[in-house]
PDB file of N, CA and C in Angstrom:
ATOM      1  N   UNK A   1      17.839 124.312  -5.736  1.00  0.00           N
ATOM      2  CA  UNK A   1      16.667 124.953  -6.259  1.00  0.00           C
ATOM      3  C   UNK A   1      16.404 126.211  -5.441  1.00  0.00           C
ATOM      4  N   UNK A   2      16.000 127.234  -6.117  1.00  0.00           N
ATOM      5  CA  UNK A   2      15.649 128.481  -5.432  1.00  0.00           C
ATOM      6  C   UNK A   2      14.213 128.843  -5.782  1.00  0.00           C
ATOM      7  N   UNK A   3      13.517 129.385  -4.808  1.00  0.00           N
ATOM      8  CA  UNK A   3      12.146 129.850  -5.031  1.00  0.00           C
ATOM      9  C   UNK A   3      12.151 131.362  -4.899  1.00  0.00           C
ATOM     10  N   UNK A   4      11.775 132.040  -5.956  1.00  0.00           N
ATOM     11  CA  UNK A   4      11.741 133.506  -5.918  1.00  0.00           C
ATOM     12  C   UNK A   4      10.654 133.971  -4.970  1.00  0.00           C
ATOM     13  N   UNK A   5      11.027 134.880  -4.075  1.00  0.00           N
ATOM     14  CA  UNK A   5      10.074 135.449  -3.126  1.00  0.00           C
ATOM     15  C   UNK A   5      10.151 136.964  -3.100  1.00  0.00           C
ATOM     16  N   UNK A   6      10.741 137.532  -4.138  1.00  0.00           N
ATOM     17  CA  UNK A   6      10.871 138.981  -4.190  1.00  0.00           C
ATOM     18  C   UNK A   6       9.816 139.578  -5.121  1.00  0.00           C
ATOM     19  N   UNK A   7       9.599 140.864  -5.016  1.00  0.00           N
ATOM     20  CA  UNK A   7       8.690 141.571  -5.921  1.00  0.00           C
ATOM     21  C   UNK A   7       7.320 140.929  -6.005  1.00  0.00           C
ATOM     22  N   UNK A   8       6.911 140.586  -7.232  1.00  0.00           N
ATOM     23  CA  UNK A   8       5.593 140.002  -7.461  1.00  0.00           C
ATOM     24  C   UNK A   8       5.421 138.621  -6.837  1.00  0.00           C
ATOM     25  N   UNK A   9       6.495 138.044  -6.358  1.00  0.00           N
ATOM     26  CA  UNK A   9       6.462 136.698  -5.779  1.00  0.00           C
ATOM     27  C   UNK A   9       6.528 136.693  -4.254  1.00  0.00           C
ATOM     28  N   UNK A  10       6.392 137.849  -3.621  1.00  0.00           N
ATOM     29  CA  UNK A  10       6.491 137.954  -2.162  1.00  0.00           C
ATOM     30  C   UNK A  10       5.447 137.097  -1.459  1.00  0.00           C
ATOM     31  N   UNK A  11       4.289 136.901  -2.079  1.00  0.00           N
ATOM     32  CA  UNK A  11       3.240 136.081  -1.481  1.00  0.00           C
ATOM     33  C   UNK A  11       3.704 134.635  -1.252  1.00  0.00           C
ATOM     34  N   UNK A  12       4.672 134.193  -2.011  1.00  0.00           N
ATOM     35  CA  UNK A  12       5.169 132.829  -1.839  1.00  0.00           C
ATOM     36  C   UNK A  12       5.776 132.618  -0.458  1.00  0.00           C
ATOM     37  N   UNK A  13       6.470 133.624   0.042  1.00  0.00           N
ATOM     38  CA  UNK A  13       7.083 133.502   1.370  1.00  0.00           C
ATOM     39  C   UNK A  13       6.010 133.328   2.425  1.00  0.00           C
ATOM     40  N   UNK A  14       4.924 134.100   2.332  1.00  0.00           N
ATOM     41  CA  UNK A  14       3.815 133.963   3.285  1.00  0.00           C
ATOM     42  C   UNK A  14       3.234 132.562   3.236  1.00  0.00           C
ATOM     43  N   UNK A  15       3.078 132.020   2.041  1.00  0.00           N
ATOM     44  CA  UNK A  15       2.511 130.683   1.873  1.00  0.00           C
ATOM     45  C   UNK A  15       3.428 129.629   2.484  1.00  0.00           C
ATOM     46  N   UNK A  16       4.712 129.735   2.220  1.00  0.00           N
ATOM     47  CA  UNK A  16       5.675 128.762   2.743  1.00  0.00           C
ATOM     48  C   UNK A  16       5.767 128.879   4.265  1.00  0.00           C
ATOM     49  N   UNK A  17       5.800 130.094   4.776  1.00  0.00           N
ATOM     50  CA  UNK A  17       5.864 130.291   6.215  1.00  0.00           C
ATOM     51  C   UNK A  17       4.617 129.771   6.907  1.00  0.00           C
ATOM     52  N   UNK A  18       3.457 129.952   6.301  1.00  0.00           N
ATOM     53  CA  UNK A  18       2.210 129.439   6.873  1.00  0.00           C
ATOM     54  C   UNK A  18       2.229 127.912   6.920  1.00  0.00           C
ATOM     55  N   UNK A  19       2.743 127.295   5.863  1.00  0.00           N
ATOM     56  CA  UNK A  19       2.841 125.831   5.830  1.00  0.00           C
ATOM     57  C   UNK A  19       3.809 125.346   6.910  1.00  0.00           C
ATOM     58  N   UNK A  20       4.945 126.024   7.044  1.00  0.00           N
ATOM     59  CA  UNK A  20       5.931 125.637   8.045  1.00  0.00           C
ATOM     60  C   UNK A  20       5.347 125.747   9.458  1.00  0.00           C
ATOM     61  N   UNK A  21       4.627 126.827   9.699  1.00  0.00           N
ATOM     62  CA  UNK A  21       4.017 127.014  11.020  1.00  0.00           C
ATOM     63  C   UNK A  21       2.958 125.936  11.276  1.00  0.00           C
ATOM     64  N   UNK A  22       2.112 125.696  10.290  1.00  0.00           N
ATOM     65  CA  UNK A  22       1.041 124.692  10.460  1.00  0.00           C
ATOM     66  C   UNK A  22       1.600 123.300  10.700  1.00  0.00           C
ATOM     67  N   UNK A  23       2.679 122.966   9.988  1.00  0.00           N
ATOM     68  CA  UNK A  23       3.281 121.644  10.111  1.00  0.00           C
ATOM     69  C   UNK A  23       4.284 121.545  11.265  1.00  0.00           C
ATOM     70  N   UNK A  24       4.678 122.689  11.812  1.00  0.00           N
ATOM     71  CA  UNK A  24       5.641 122.694  12.910  1.00  0.00           C
ATOM     72  C   UNK A  24       7.044 122.311  12.487  1.00  0.00           C
ATOM     73  N   UNK A  25       7.418 122.725  11.272  1.00  0.00           N
ATOM     74  CA  UNK A  25       8.739 122.413  10.729  1.00  0.00           C
ATOM     75  C   UNK A  25       9.346 123.673  10.125  1.00  0.00           C
ATOM     76  N   UNK A  26      10.613 123.575   9.680  1.00  0.00           N
ATOM     77  CA  UNK A  26      11.216 124.730   9.018  1.00  0.00           C
ATOM     78  C   UNK A  26      10.694 124.853   7.583  1.00  0.00           C
ATOM     79  N   UNK A  27      11.023 125.946   6.945  1.00  0.00           N
ATOM     80  CA  UNK A  27      10.471 126.231   5.610  1.00  0.00           C
ATOM     81  C   UNK A  27      10.878 125.193   4.566  1.00  0.00           C
ATOM     82  N   UNK A  28      12.127 124.748   4.605  1.00  0.00           N
ATOM     83  CA  UNK A  28      12.572 123.742   3.634  1.00  0.00           C
ATOM     84  C   UNK A  28      11.795 122.453   3.807  1.00  0.00           C
ATOM     85  N   UNK A  29      11.649 122.003   5.042  1.00  0.00           N
ATOM     86  CA  UNK A  29      10.905 120.777   5.325  1.00  0.00           C
ATOM     87  C   UNK A  29       9.430 120.938   4.923  1.00  0.00           C
ATOM     88  N   UNK A  30       8.861 122.115   5.133  1.00  0.00           N
ATOM     89  CA  UNK A  30       7.468 122.361   4.762  1.00  0.00           C
ATOM     90  C   UNK A  30       7.271 122.199   3.259  1.00  0.00           C
ATOM     91  N   UNK A  31       8.189 122.737   2.470  1.00  0.00           N
ATOM     92  CA  UNK A  31       8.088 122.594   1.008  1.00  0.00           C
ATOM     93  C   UNK A  31       8.209 121.117   0.625  1.00  0.00           C
ATOM     94  N   UNK A  32       9.159 120.407   1.216  1.00  0.00           N
ATOM     95  CA  UNK A  32       9.330 118.992   0.903  1.00  0.00           C
ATOM     96  C   UNK A  32       8.109 118.167   1.291  1.00  0.00           C
ATOM     97  N   UNK A  33       7.563 118.418   2.483  1.00  0.00           N
ATOM     98  CA  UNK A  33       6.370 117.691   2.923  1.00  0.00           C
ATOM     99  C   UNK A  33       5.190 117.973   2.014  1.00  0.00           C
ATOM    100  N   UNK A  34       5.019 119.228   1.623  1.00  0.00           N
ATOM    101  CA  UNK A  34       3.903 119.580   0.753  1.00  0.00           C
ATOM    102  C   UNK A  34       4.035 118.893  -0.605  1.00  0.00           C
ATOM    103  N   UNK A  35       5.213 118.931  -1.166  1.00  0.00           N
ATOM    104  CA  UNK A  35       5.426 118.299  -2.471  1.00  0.00           C
ATOM    105  C   UNK A  35       5.261 116.782  -2.395  1.00  0.00           C
ATOM    106  N   UNK A  36       5.730 116.198  -1.301  1.00  0.00           N
ATOM    107  CA  UNK A  36       5.658 114.754  -1.148  1.00  0.00           C
ATOM    108  C   UNK A  36       4.237 114.248  -0.941  1.00  0.00           C
ATOM    109  N   UNK A  37       3.383 115.047  -0.323  1.00  0.00           N
ATOM    110  CA  UNK A  37       2.055 114.566   0.067  1.00  0.00           C
ATOM    111  C   UNK A  37       0.927 115.049  -0.831  1.00  0.00           C
ATOM    112  N   UNK A  38       1.132 116.050  -1.647  1.00  0.00           N
ATOM    113  CA  UNK A  38       0.023 116.658  -2.375  1.00  0.00           C
ATOM    114  C   UNK A  38      -0.714 115.682  -3.284  1.00  0.00           C
ATOM    115  N   UNK A  39      -0.032 114.841  -3.995  1.00  0.00           N
ATOM    116  CA  UNK A  39      -0.694 113.897  -4.892  1.00  0.00           C
ATOM    117  C   UNK A  39      -1.637 112.966  -4.170  1.00  0.00           C
ATOM    118  N   UNK A  40      -1.138 112.348  -3.108  1.00  0.00           N
ATOM    119  CA  UNK A  40      -1.954 111.408  -2.346  1.00  0.00           C
ATOM    120  C   UNK A  40      -3.124 112.115  -1.663  1.00  0.00           C
ATOM    121  N   UNK A  41      -2.891 113.310  -1.121  1.00  0.00           N
ATOM    122  CA  UNK A  41      -3.968 114.057  -0.470  1.00  0.00           C
ATOM    123  C   UNK A  41      -5.062 114.433  -1.468  1.00  0.00           C
ATOM    124  N   UNK A  42      -4.690 114.907  -2.638  1.00  0.00           N
ATOM    125  CA  UNK A  42      -5.685 115.308  -3.620  1.00  0.00           C
ATOM    126  C   UNK A  42      -6.428 114.115  -4.184  1.00  0.00           C
ATOM    127  N   UNK A  43      -5.746 112.991  -4.360  1.00  0.00           N
ATOM    128  CA  UNK A  43      -6.435 111.758  -4.765  1.00  0.00           C
ATOM    129  C   UNK A  43      -7.456 111.366  -3.712  1.00  0.00           C
ATOM    130  N   UNK A  44      -7.090 111.493  -2.436  1.00  0.00           N
ATOM    131  CA  UNK A  44      -8.004 111.168  -1.348  1.00  0.00           C
ATOM    132  C   UNK A  44      -9.211 112.088  -1.305  1.00  0.00           C
ATOM    133  N   UNK A  45      -9.010 113.378  -1.596  1.00  0.00           N
ATOM    134  CA  UNK A  45     -10.120 114.325  -1.651  1.00  0.00           C
ATOM    135  C   UNK A  45     -11.107 113.907  -2.730  1.00  0.00           C
ATOM    136  N   UNK A  46     -10.600 113.608  -3.918  1.00  0.00           N
ATOM    137  CA  UNK A  46     -11.478 113.175  -5.015  1.00  0.00           C
ATOM    138  C   UNK A  46     -12.237 111.909  -4.632  1.00  0.00           C
ATOM    139  N   UNK A  47     -11.531 110.950  -4.079  1.00  0.00           N
ATOM    140  CA  UNK A  47     -12.168 109.686  -3.711  1.00  0.00           C
ATOM    141  C   UNK A  47     -13.248 109.897  -2.647  1.00  0.00           C
ATOM    142  N   UNK A  48     -12.954 110.705  -1.630  1.00  0.00           N
ATOM    143  CA  UNK A  48     -13.914 110.957  -0.566  1.00  0.00           C
ATOM    144  C   UNK A  48     -15.148 111.685  -1.097  1.00  0.00           C
ATOM    145  N   UNK A  49     -14.949 112.657  -1.979  1.00  0.00           N
ATOM    146  CA  UNK A  49     -16.085 113.401  -2.529  1.00  0.00           C
ATOM    147  C   UNK A  49     -16.954 112.564  -3.444  1.00  0.00           C
ATOM    148  N   UNK A  50     -16.418 111.479  -3.970  1.00  0.00           N
ATOM    149  CA  UNK A  50     -17.171 110.607  -4.860  1.00  0.00           C
ATOM    150  C   UNK A  50     -17.880 109.476  -4.104  1.00  0.00           C
ATOM    151  N   UNK A  51     -17.832 109.509  -2.763  1.00  0.00           N
ATOM    152  CA  UNK A  51     -18.478 108.451  -1.982  1.00  0.00           C
ATOM    153  C   UNK A  51     -19.976 108.450  -2.299  1.00  0.00           C
ATOM    154  N   UNK A  52     -20.555 107.267  -2.575  1.00  0.00           N
ATOM    155  CA  UNK A  52     -21.952 107.185  -2.990  1.00  0.00           C
ATOM    156  C   UNK A  52     -22.969 107.655  -1.949  1.00  0.00           C
ATOM    157  N   UNK A  53     -22.602 107.652  -0.671  1.00  0.00           N
ATOM    158  CA  UNK A  53     -23.533 108.095   0.367  1.00  0.00           C
ATOM    159  C   UNK A  53     -23.495 109.593   0.609  1.00  0.00           C
ATOM    160  N   UNK A  54     -22.660 110.308  -0.102  1.00  0.00           N
ATOM    161  CA  UNK A  54     -22.515 111.748   0.093  1.00  0.00           C
ATOM    162  C   UNK A  54     -23.511 112.492  -0.787  1.00  0.00           C
ATOM    163  N   UNK A  55     -24.472 113.194  -0.189  1.00  0.00           N
ATOM    164  CA  UNK A  55     -25.437 113.958  -1.002  1.00  0.00           C
ATOM    165  C   UNK A  55     -24.744 115.032  -1.823  1.00  0.00           C
ATOM    166  N   UNK A  56     -25.270 115.306  -3.027  1.00  0.00           N
ATOM    167  CA  UNK A  56     -24.633 116.316  -3.888  1.00  0.00           C
ATOM    168  C   UNK A  56     -24.443 117.674  -3.220  1.00  0.00           C
ATOM    169  N   UNK A  57     -25.392 118.105  -2.398  1.00  0.00           N
ATOM    170  CA  UNK A  57     -25.258 119.427  -1.751  1.00  0.00           C
ATOM    171  C   UNK A  57     -24.097 119.420  -0.764  1.00  0.00           C
ATOM    172  N   UNK A  58     -23.914 118.335  -0.047  1.00  0.00           N
ATOM    173  CA  UNK A  58     -22.794 118.217   0.899  1.00  0.00           C
ATOM    174  C   UNK A  58     -21.498 118.113   0.119  1.00  0.00           C
ATOM    175  N   UNK A  59     -21.512 117.351  -0.969  1.00  0.00           N
ATOM    176  CA  UNK A  59     -20.355 117.203  -1.828  1.00  0.00           C
ATOM    177  C   UNK A  59     -19.895 118.594  -2.304  1.00  0.00           C
ATOM    178  N   UNK A  60     -20.823 119.431  -2.748  1.00  0.00           N
ATOM    179  CA  UNK A  60     -20.491 120.762  -3.242  1.00  0.00           C
ATOM    180  C   UNK A  60     -19.983 121.657  -2.125  1.00  0.00           C
ATOM    181  N   UNK A  61     -20.624 121.586  -0.951  1.00  0.00           N
ATOM    182  CA  UNK A  61     -20.177 122.402   0.203  1.00  0.00           C
ATOM    183  C   UNK A  61     -18.744 122.054   0.582  1.00  0.00           C
ATOM    184  N   UNK A  62     -18.426 120.777   0.608  1.00  0.00           N
ATOM    185  CA  UNK A  62     -17.068 120.340   0.952  1.00  0.00           C
ATOM    186  C   UNK A  62     -16.081 120.807  -0.112  1.00  0.00           C
ATOM    187  N   UNK A  63     -16.453 120.681  -1.381  1.00  0.00           N
ATOM    188  CA  UNK A  63     -15.582 121.131  -2.475  1.00  0.00           C
ATOM    189  C   UNK A  63     -15.298 122.620  -2.347  1.00  0.00           C
ATOM    190  N   UNK A  64     -16.321 123.402  -2.030  1.00  0.00           N
ATOM    191  CA  UNK A  64     -16.143 124.840  -1.867  1.00  0.00           C
ATOM    192  C   UNK A  64     -15.197 125.154  -0.713  1.00  0.00           C
ATOM    193  N   UNK A  65     -15.325 124.407   0.381  1.00  0.00           N
ATOM    194  CA  UNK A  65     -14.480 124.628   1.555  1.00  0.00           C
ATOM    195  C   UNK A  65     -13.029 124.248   1.303  1.00  0.00           C
ATOM    196  N   UNK A  66     -12.808 123.237   0.475  1.00  0.00           N
ATOM    197  CA  UNK A  66     -11.450 122.749   0.223  1.00  0.00           C
ATOM    198  C   UNK A  66     -10.724 123.535  -0.866  1.00  0.00           C
ATOM    199  N   UNK A  67     -11.461 124.240  -1.704  1.00  0.00           N
ATOM    200  CA  UNK A  67     -10.824 125.030  -2.758  1.00  0.00           C
ATOM    201  C   UNK A  67     -10.025 126.176  -2.149  1.00  0.00           C
ATOM    202  N   UNK A  68      -8.910 126.487  -2.782  1.00  0.00           N
ATOM    203  CA  UNK A  68      -8.070 127.594  -2.330  1.00  0.00           C
ATOM    204  C   UNK A  68      -7.885 128.556  -3.490  1.00  0.00           C
ATOM    205  N   UNK A  69      -7.068 129.581  -3.284  1.00  0.00           N
ATOM    206  CA  UNK A  69      -6.816 130.506  -4.388  1.00  0.00           C
ATOM    207  C   UNK A  69      -6.022 129.855  -5.522  1.00  0.00           C
ATOM    208  N   UNK A  70      -5.373 128.708  -5.239  1.00  0.00           N
ATOM    209  CA  UNK A  70      -4.563 128.050  -6.258  1.00  0.00           C
ATOM    210  C   UNK A  70      -5.085 126.690  -6.690  1.00  0.00           C
ATOM    211  N   UNK A  71      -5.973 126.097  -5.911  1.00  0.00           N
ATOM    212  CA  UNK A  71      -6.494 124.771  -6.203  1.00  0.00           C
ATOM    213  C   UNK A  71      -8.016 124.838  -6.260  1.00  0.00           C
ATOM    214  N   UNK A  72      -8.585 124.332  -7.334  1.00  0.00           N
ATOM    215  CA  UNK A  72     -10.042 124.302  -7.483  1.00  0.00           C
ATOM    216  C   UNK A  72     -10.534 122.868  -7.315  1.00  0.00           C
ATOM    217  N   UNK A  73     -11.412 122.675  -6.347  1.00  0.00           N
ATOM    218  CA  UNK A  73     -12.055 121.383  -6.149  1.00  0.00           C
ATOM    219  C   UNK A  73     -13.455 121.540  -6.720  1.00  0.00           C
ATOM    220  N   UNK A  74     -13.796 120.683  -7.683  1.00  0.00           N
ATOM    221  CA  UNK A  74     -15.112 120.774  -8.318  1.00  0.00           C
ATOM    222  C   UNK A  74     -15.814 119.426  -8.300  1.00  0.00           C
ATOM    223  N   UNK A  75     -17.122 119.483  -8.382  1.00  0.00           N
ATOM    224  CA  UNK A  75     -17.924 118.271  -8.378  1.00  0.00           C
ATOM    225  C   UNK A  75     -18.943 118.311  -9.498  1.00  0.00           C
ATOM    226  N   UNK A  76     -19.216 117.149 -10.012  1.00  0.00           N
ATOM    227  CA  UNK A  76     -20.263 116.943 -11.008  1.00  0.00           C
ATOM    228  C   UNK A  76     -20.767 115.547 -10.732  1.00  0.00           C
ATOM    229  N   UNK A  77     -21.749 115.493  -9.854  1.00  0.00           N
ATOM    230  CA  UNK A  77     -22.201 114.211  -9.296  1.00  0.00           C
ATOM    231  C   UNK A  77     -22.195 113.105 -10.333  1.00  0.00           C
ATOM    232  N   UNK A  78     -21.501 112.016 -10.130  1.00  0.00           N
ATOM    233  CA  UNK A  78     -20.765 111.646  -8.909  1.00  0.00           C
ATOM    234  C   UNK A  78     -19.277 111.940  -8.987  1.00  0.00           C
ATOM    235  N   UNK A  79     -18.812 112.623 -10.007  1.00  0.00           N
ATOM    236  CA  UNK A  79     -17.380 112.825 -10.230  1.00  0.00           C
ATOM    237  C   UNK A  79     -16.880 114.068  -9.500  1.00  0.00           C
ATOM    238  N   UNK A  80     -15.680 113.968  -8.931  1.00  0.00           N
ATOM    239  CA  UNK A  80     -15.012 115.114  -8.296  1.00  0.00           C
ATOM    240  C   UNK A  80     -13.645 115.247  -8.928  1.00  0.00           C
ATOM    241  N   UNK A  81     -13.159 116.473  -9.001  1.00  0.00           N
ATOM    242  CA  UNK A  81     -11.814 116.683  -9.528  1.00  0.00           C
ATOM    243  C   UNK A  81     -11.118 117.809  -8.788  1.00  0.00           C
ATOM    244  N   UNK A  82      -9.814 117.716  -8.746  1.00  0.00           N
ATOM    245  CA  UNK A  82      -8.967 118.734  -8.130  1.00  0.00           C
ATOM    246  C   UNK A  82      -7.984 119.179  -9.192  1.00  0.00           C
ATOM    247  N   UNK A  83      -7.919 120.483  -9.431  1.00  0.00           N
ATOM    248  CA  UNK A  83      -7.038 121.004 -10.478  1.00  0.00           C
ATOM    249  C   UNK A  83      -6.510 122.369 -10.071  1.00  0.00           C
ATOM    250  N   UNK A  84      -5.409 122.778 -10.726  1.00  0.00           N
ATOM    251  CA  UNK A  84      -4.889 124.114 -10.452  1.00  0.00           C
ATOM    252  C   UNK A  84      -5.927 125.166 -10.840  1.00  0.00           C
ATOM    253  N   UNK A  85      -6.030 126.222 -10.020  1.00  0.00           N
ATOM    254  CA  UNK A  85      -6.912 127.325 -10.341  1.00  0.00           C
ATOM    255  C   UNK A  85      -6.293 128.206 -11.402  1.00  0.00           C
ATOM    256  N   UNK A  86      -6.903 129.338 -11.650  1.00  0.00           N
ATOM    257  CA  UNK A  86      -6.431 130.247 -12.691  1.00  0.00           C
ATOM    258  C   UNK A  86      -5.376 131.232 -12.210  1.00  0.00           C
ATOM    259  N   UNK A  87      -5.204 131.364 -10.891  1.00  0.00           N
ATOM    260  CA  UNK A  87      -4.191 132.299 -10.376  1.00  0.00           C
ATOM    261  C   UNK A  87      -2.793 131.769 -10.657  1.00  0.00           C
ATOM    262  N   UNK A  88      -1.876 132.689 -10.897  1.00  0.00           N
ATOM    263  CA  UNK A  88      -0.483 132.312 -11.124  1.00  0.00           C
ATOM    264  C   UNK A  88       0.240 132.228  -9.786  1.00  0.00           C
ATOM    265  N   UNK A  89       1.090 131.228  -9.647  1.00  0.00           N
ATOM    266  CA  UNK A  89       1.810 131.044  -8.402  1.00  0.00           C
ATOM    267  C   UNK A  89       3.168 131.690  -8.498  1.00  0.00           C
TER     268      UNK A  89
END
């Protein structure tokens, strides 16, 4: 598998390199770790945000902090969801 990182896709290299640096692994391992863990991590985010003791304002603040340019974390008390944002990867 190849990931295009030229031209309009140059930002992908920055993203992969940032993940590799954060995880302390090479770029290939960073992509594999990210793909392997994303489902479980996002399920955990939704579950944590739906905790009954979490006030709606805190729930929203956390959702805003966890959202990225590619992933939108949203809340509608008591439901939380994680979905791809509108930006193209």
